[in-house]
Amino acid sequence: MKELTFRRASRDDVELLDVMSKAPHVLPNLGTDQPWDWPREVEASWQEVWISDLSATSSPMGVVVVLDAAADPSGYWGEVSPGTYAIDIWIADAAQLRKGYGTVMMLHAIDLCFHVHSAHTILIDPLAENEGAISFYQHLGFEVIGPRTFGADECIVLRLCRPDSGCD
């Protein structure tokens, strides 16, 4: 497997992020929430947007969003304690699916949450119908918390606790 590099997205990446979030295989899994407002997303103080590039070619292939769920002004996650983070990821280049890149991207995001931001809990909310994603997250150690409706989307919330701290 080729290695990935990660770089923080900036305003210069807004058009690329828009294209990547509208890839035909990605769009149905993002739900019916408002479309990403990339100029705002890349500059939000409570989250980080990362672009993953294939190291050998520097070709952008995926997106990783790491956000401080307690500081998110939208209140999307409801009442959560400080130290709770959430992750969104997707591979926008369909040719790179099922090659292990999602695992590399998730490990990068988990490392950011636990070791850079000192999170105690990580949340993720795939659509309930996205059984492949749910299984993938469980394989990485996430446990199912249960179903939850976000807007019009039926999701399954999963969490991962930092091993040395437990979850709230």
Protein backbone atom coordinates (compact mmCIF):
# COMPACT_ATOMS: atom_id res chain seq x y z
CA MET A 1 0.00 0.00 0.00
CA LYS A 2 1.20 3.48 -0.83
CA GLU A 3 1.67 5.88 2.02
CA LEU A 4 -0.47 8.93 2.61
CA THR A 5 0.54 12.41 3.61
CA PHE A 6 -1.78 14.81 5.37
CA ARG A 7 -1.97 18.56 5.02
CA ARG A 8 -4.26 21.09 6.67
CA ALA A 9 -6.79 22.44 4.23
CA SER A 10 -6.94 26.18 3.65
CA ARG A 11 -9.08 28.62 1.72
CA ASP A 12 -7.01 27.67 -1.31
CA ASP A 13 -8.52 24.17 -1.08
CA VAL A 14 -12.19 25.20 -0.98
CA GLU A 15 -12.90 24.26 -4.60
CA LEU A 16 -11.10 20.92 -4.22
CA LEU A 17 -13.00 20.13 -1.01
CA ASP A 18 -16.29 20.95 -2.72
CA VAL A 19 -15.50 18.54 -5.55
CA MET A 20 -14.31 15.85 -3.14
CA SER A 21 -17.46 16.08 -1.01
CA LYS A 22 -19.66 15.71 -4.10
CA ALA A 23 -18.02 12.59 -5.52
CA PRO A 24 -20.81 10.25 -6.71
CA HIS A 25 -19.96 7.50 -4.20
CA VAL A 26 -19.47 9.98 -1.32
CA LEU A 27 -22.55 12.18 -1.63
CA PRO A 28 -25.14 9.52 -0.66
CA ASN A 29 -23.22 8.76 2.54
CA LEU A 30 -23.04 12.36 3.75
CA GLY A 31 -26.75 12.49 4.55
CA THR A 32 -29.18 15.31 4.04
CA ASP A 33 -27.55 17.90 6.30
CA GLN A 34 -26.70 21.24 4.83
CA PRO A 35 -23.87 21.01 2.32
CA TRP A 36 -20.43 21.73 3.70
CA ASP A 37 -19.65 25.45 3.83
CA TRP A 38 -15.96 24.95 3.05
CA PRO A 39 -14.76 28.56 3.44
CA ARG A 40 -16.21 28.52 6.96
CA GLU A 41 -15.18 24.93 7.70
CA VAL A 42 -11.48 25.41 6.95
CA GLU A 43 -11.29 28.50 9.16
CA ALA A 44 -13.34 27.29 12.14
CA SER A 45 -11.33 27.45 15.35
CA TRP A 46 -13.00 24.33 16.76
CA GLN A 47 -12.14 21.94 13.94
CA GLU A 48 -9.42 20.88 11.54
CA VAL A 49 -9.92 19.87 7.93
CA TRP A 50 -7.18 17.68 6.49
CA ILE A 51 -6.60 16.52 2.93
CA SER A 52 -4.92 13.18 2.45
CA ASP A 53 -2.65 12.87 -0.55
CA LEU A 54 -1.13 9.78 -2.11
CA SER A 55 2.53 10.22 -1.22
CA ALA A 56 3.92 8.91 -4.50
CA THR A 57 1.91 11.30 -6.67
CA SER A 58 0.77 14.03 -4.26
CA SER A 59 -2.74 13.39 -5.60
CA PRO A 60 -5.52 14.41 -3.21
CA MET A 61 -7.70 11.39 -2.45
CA GLY A 62 -9.48 11.90 0.85
CA VAL A 63 -10.76 14.26 3.52
CA VAL A 64 -10.46 14.05 7.30
CA VAL A 65 -12.40 16.41 9.57
CA VAL A 66 -11.57 16.44 13.29
CA LEU A 67 -13.76 18.62 15.46
CA ASP A 68 -14.14 19.53 19.09
CA ALA A 69 -17.73 18.39 19.63
CA ALA A 70 -18.10 20.40 22.84
CA ALA A 71 -16.98 23.62 21.17
CA ASP A 72 -19.00 23.21 17.96
CA PRO A 73 -21.31 26.24 17.97
CA SER A 74 -24.02 24.37 16.04
CA GLY A 75 -24.58 22.04 19.00
CA TYR A 76 -24.79 19.16 16.51
CA TRP A 77 -23.67 16.57 19.08
CA GLY A 78 -25.85 17.92 21.89
CA GLU A 79 -24.55 18.11 25.43
CA VAL A 80 -21.09 16.55 25.46
CA SER A 81 -18.28 17.11 27.89
CA PRO A 82 -15.07 18.96 27.02
CA GLY A 83 -12.62 16.45 25.60
CA THR A 84 -15.21 14.90 23.27
CA TYR A 85 -14.18 15.03 19.63
CA ALA A 86 -15.85 13.82 16.43
CA ILE A 87 -14.47 12.65 13.11
CA ASP A 88 -15.72 12.67 9.53
CA ILE A 89 -13.71 10.98 6.80
CA TRP A 90 -14.20 10.01 3.20
CA ILE A 91 -12.15 8.78 0.28
CA ALA A 92 -13.12 10.91 -2.70
CA ASP A 93 -11.12 8.95 -5.27
CA ALA A 94 -13.22 5.83 -5.87
CA ALA A 95 -10.19 4.04 -7.36
CA GLN A 96 -8.57 4.15 -3.90
CA LEU A 97 -11.38 2.46 -2.00
CA ARG A 98 -10.71 -0.82 -0.16
CA LYS A 99 -6.94 -0.42 -0.25
CA GLY A 100 -6.40 0.36 3.45
CA TYR A 101 -6.35 4.13 3.06
CA GLY A 102 -9.44 4.61 5.22
CA THR A 103 -7.63 2.86 8.06
CA VAL A 104 -4.60 5.12 7.65
CA MET A 105 -6.88 8.17 7.61
CA MET A 106 -8.75 7.06 10.74
CA LEU A 107 -5.52 6.30 12.61
CA HIS A 108 -4.31 9.82 11.73
CA ALA A 109 -7.58 11.31 13.03
CA ILE A 110 -7.56 9.18 16.20
CA ASP A 111 -3.97 10.19 16.88
CA LEU A 112 -4.88 13.87 16.50
CA CYS A 113 -7.83 13.52 18.86
CA PHE A 114 -6.11 11.54 21.60
CA HIS A 115 -2.50 12.72 21.45
CA VAL A 116 -2.70 16.27 20.12
CA HIS A 117 -6.05 17.41 21.53
CA SER A 118 -6.13 15.16 24.63
CA ALA A 119 -9.64 13.96 23.85
CA HIS A 120 -11.12 11.28 26.09
CA THR A 121 -13.90 10.30 23.65
CA ILE A 122 -14.26 10.23 19.87
CA LEU A 123 -17.69 10.08 18.24
CA ILE A 124 -18.66 9.18 14.70
CA ASP A 125 -22.11 9.05 13.08
CA PRO A 126 -22.42 7.04 9.87
CA LEU A 127 -25.84 6.71 8.30
CA ALA A 128 -27.65 3.68 9.75
CA GLU A 129 -27.87 2.12 6.30
CA ASN A 130 -24.09 2.36 5.79
CA GLU A 131 -23.34 -1.04 7.28
CA GLY A 132 -19.89 -1.18 5.69
CA ALA A 133 -18.81 2.01 7.49
CA ILE A 134 -20.26 0.82 10.80
CA SER A 135 -18.37 -2.46 10.51
CA PHE A 136 -15.18 -0.58 9.56
CA TYR A 137 -15.38 1.64 12.65
CA GLN A 138 -16.10 -1.34 14.90
CA HIS A 139 -13.03 -3.08 13.48
CA LEU A 140 -11.03 -0.03 14.62
CA GLY A 141 -12.37 -0.39 18.17
CA PHE A 142 -15.39 1.92 18.10
CA GLU A 143 -18.40 0.67 20.04
CA VAL A 144 -21.99 1.26 19.01
CA ILE A 145 -23.79 3.68 21.32
CA GLY A 146 -27.05 3.46 19.42
CA PRO A 147 -29.26 5.07 16.82
CA ARG A 148 -29.76 8.80 16.69
CA THR A 149 -31.53 11.13 14.30
CA PHE A 150 -29.55 14.14 13.11
CA GLY A 151 -31.85 16.40 11.10
CA ALA A 152 -33.60 13.96 8.75
CA ASP A 153 -30.79 11.39 8.88
CA GLU A 154 -31.02 8.13 10.79
CA CYS A 155 -27.49 7.44 12.05
CA ILE A 156 -25.68 5.01 14.28
CA VAL A 157 -23.45 6.76 16.80
CA LEU A 158 -20.22 4.99 17.71
CA ARG A 159 -17.57 6.01 20.20
CA LEU A 160 -13.96 5.25 20.95
CA CYS A 161 -12.59 5.91 24.42
CA ARG A 162 -8.97 6.83 25.05
CA PRO A 163 -7.61 3.71 26.73
CA ASP A 164 -6.09 5.51 29.69
CA SER A 165 -9.06 7.73 30.46
CA GLY A 166 -12.32 5.93 29.75
CA CYS A 167 -15.35 7.72 28.43
CA ASP A 168 -17.63 10.16 30.14
